[in-house]
């Protein structure tokens, strides 16, 4: 079965403080024309992942960790123009739209367009938006031409 037809994947799943598991979860899909899906080849464990793991945040069970990711483009939304299938990519930890005032001023960690009510978004981190993390087989990359 090709990866494009697989509907699930393995991912590091936060259960509760000091407890994570590897679970079968839904494989990401293109949700917006600016999205890309990558096959993750490398994901680092960051010190801030440990904050969640150790219960020092408001993280709830079900979070997929991982905001330091590298991979290969598998799928592209129709609006993505700067990338092509098969490209190897390294992602920033933060998610940004590249369009808001903060992004235009180079303050992409404080993007106001990706996490309503909060300046900033990130893959797989508590309160940083709806973005799943990359300690998984696949990852959806929003605003792929920018991120």
Protein backbone atom coordinates (compact mmCIF):
# COMPACT_ATOMS: atom_id res chain seq x y z
CA UNK A 1 0.00 0.00 0.00
CA UNK A 2 1.46 3.40 -0.93
CA UNK A 3 1.87 6.10 1.69
CA UNK A 4 -0.69 8.29 -0.09
CA UNK A 5 -3.43 5.73 0.54
CA UNK A 6 -2.47 4.91 4.14
CA UNK A 7 -4.94 6.55 6.52
CA UNK A 8 -3.01 6.07 9.76
CA UNK A 9 0.54 6.50 10.99
CA UNK A 10 2.58 6.02 14.14
CA UNK A 11 3.20 9.03 16.38
CA UNK A 12 4.48 9.85 19.86
CA UNK A 13 1.30 10.46 21.83
CA UNK A 14 1.29 12.35 25.14
CA UNK A 15 -0.89 10.55 27.69
CA UNK A 16 -0.18 12.42 30.94
CA UNK A 17 2.89 13.60 32.87
CA UNK A 18 5.71 11.08 32.58
CA UNK A 19 3.70 8.88 30.19
CA UNK A 20 3.88 8.83 26.40
CA UNK A 21 3.15 6.05 23.95
CA UNK A 22 3.51 5.32 20.27
CA UNK A 23 0.03 5.09 18.79
CA UNK A 24 -1.66 4.68 15.45
CA UNK A 25 -3.26 8.06 14.72
CA UNK A 26 -4.88 9.56 11.62
CA UNK A 27 -2.40 10.50 8.91
CA UNK A 28 -2.51 14.24 8.15
CA UNK A 29 -4.22 15.43 5.00
CA UNK A 30 -4.14 18.60 2.96
CA UNK A 31 -6.59 20.95 4.71
CA UNK A 32 -5.81 24.17 2.83
CA UNK A 33 -4.29 24.90 -0.60
CA UNK A 34 -1.16 26.29 1.14
CA UNK A 35 -0.46 22.98 2.97
CA UNK A 36 2.17 20.34 2.35
CA UNK A 37 2.51 16.88 3.85
CA UNK A 38 6.01 15.66 4.67
CA UNK A 39 7.31 12.21 5.45
CA UNK A 40 9.30 12.90 8.59
CA UNK A 41 12.90 11.69 8.42
CA UNK A 42 14.22 13.34 11.60
CA UNK A 43 12.58 14.83 14.68
CA UNK A 44 14.50 16.10 17.68
CA UNK A 45 13.48 15.97 21.32
CA UNK A 46 13.64 19.52 22.61
CA UNK A 47 13.93 20.72 26.20
CA UNK A 48 10.47 22.22 25.87
CA UNK A 49 9.10 18.74 25.07
CA UNK A 50 10.42 17.79 28.50
CA UNK A 51 8.42 20.61 30.11
CA UNK A 52 5.25 18.95 28.81
CA UNK A 53 6.44 15.43 29.56
CA UNK A 54 7.23 16.37 33.16
CA UNK A 55 3.83 18.00 33.68
CA UNK A 56 5.08 21.59 33.94
CA UNK A 57 2.55 22.84 31.36
CA UNK A 58 -1.18 22.62 30.77
CA UNK A 59 -0.71 19.91 28.11
CA UNK A 60 -3.65 17.54 27.81
CA UNK A 61 -3.51 13.92 26.72
CA UNK A 62 -3.63 13.42 22.98
CA UNK A 63 -0.94 15.91 21.99
CA UNK A 64 1.56 14.73 19.35
CA UNK A 65 5.01 16.04 20.34
CA UNK A 66 7.67 17.43 18.04
CA UNK A 67 8.51 20.90 16.78
CA UNK A 68 12.01 20.31 15.39
CA UNK A 69 11.41 18.40 12.18
CA UNK A 70 12.97 17.46 8.85
CA UNK A 71 11.48 15.45 6.04
CA UNK A 72 10.62 14.90 2.39
CA UNK A 73 7.65 16.52 0.66
CA UNK A 74 5.03 13.84 -0.12
CA UNK A 75 1.99 15.95 -1.09
CA UNK A 76 1.32 19.58 -1.93
CA UNK A 77 -1.77 21.75 -1.86
CA UNK A 78 -2.67 23.53 -5.09
CA UNK A 79 -1.52 26.89 -3.68
CA UNK A 80 2.07 25.81 -2.95
CA UNK A 81 4.39 27.23 -5.61
CA UNK A 82 7.94 27.17 -4.20
CA UNK A 83 8.22 23.48 -3.29
CA UNK A 84 7.89 20.23 -5.20
CA UNK A 85 7.26 16.62 -4.32
CA UNK A 86 10.50 14.96 -3.22
CA UNK A 87 12.13 18.14 -1.86
CA UNK A 88 13.97 17.70 1.44
CA UNK A 89 12.95 20.32 3.98
CA UNK A 90 13.97 21.53 7.43
CA UNK A 91 11.15 23.24 9.32
CA UNK A 92 11.39 26.04 11.84
CA UNK A 93 9.97 25.19 15.26
CA UNK A 94 7.31 27.85 14.87
CA UNK A 95 4.39 28.01 12.45
CA UNK A 96 3.91 31.39 10.77
CA UNK A 97 1.79 32.67 7.91
CA UNK A 98 4.31 35.14 6.48
CA UNK A 99 1.50 37.64 5.94
CA UNK A 100 0.73 39.33 9.25
CA UNK A 101 2.38 42.53 10.47
CA UNK A 102 4.72 40.66 12.83
CA UNK A 103 5.86 38.29 10.07
CA UNK A 104 6.45 41.19 7.68
CA UNK A 105 8.67 42.75 10.38
CA UNK A 106 10.63 39.49 10.75
CA UNK A 107 9.03 38.54 14.08
CA UNK A 108 7.70 35.20 12.86
CA UNK A 109 7.71 33.63 16.34
CA UNK A 110 4.95 36.12 17.17
CA UNK A 111 2.77 35.53 14.10
CA UNK A 112 -0.78 36.71 14.78
CA UNK A 113 -2.37 34.74 11.95
CA UNK A 114 -1.89 31.13 13.00
CA UNK A 115 -3.22 30.85 16.55
CA UNK A 116 -6.30 32.99 17.22
CA UNK A 117 -6.07 34.97 20.44
CA UNK A 118 -2.35 34.36 20.87
CA UNK A 119 0.79 35.63 19.11
CA UNK A 120 2.74 32.60 17.94
CA UNK A 121 2.20 29.04 16.83
CA UNK A 122 4.28 25.87 16.91
CA UNK A 123 4.14 22.23 15.92
CA UNK A 124 3.24 19.88 18.76
CA UNK A 125 3.38 22.30 21.66
CA UNK A 126 0.71 23.11 24.24
CA UNK A 127 -1.32 26.30 23.59
CA UNK A 128 0.56 27.03 20.37
CA UNK A 129 -2.26 26.24 17.96
CA UNK A 130 -3.87 23.17 16.46
CA UNK A 131 -0.68 21.91 14.80
CA UNK A 132 0.32 18.30 15.41
CA UNK A 133 3.98 17.62 16.07
CA UNK A 134 6.56 15.85 13.97
CA UNK A 135 7.50 12.98 16.27
CA UNK A 136 5.42 11.03 13.82
CA UNK A 137 5.70 9.43 10.41
CA UNK A 138 4.00 12.35 8.62
CA UNK A 139 3.37 16.01 9.33
CA UNK A 140 1.06 18.63 7.83
CA UNK A 141 2.95 21.86 7.13
CA UNK A 142 0.61 24.86 6.90
CA UNK A 143 1.73 27.87 4.85
CA UNK A 144 4.28 25.54 3.29
CA UNK A 145 5.90 28.11 1.01
CA UNK A 146 6.75 30.19 4.09
CA UNK A 147 7.47 27.49 6.67
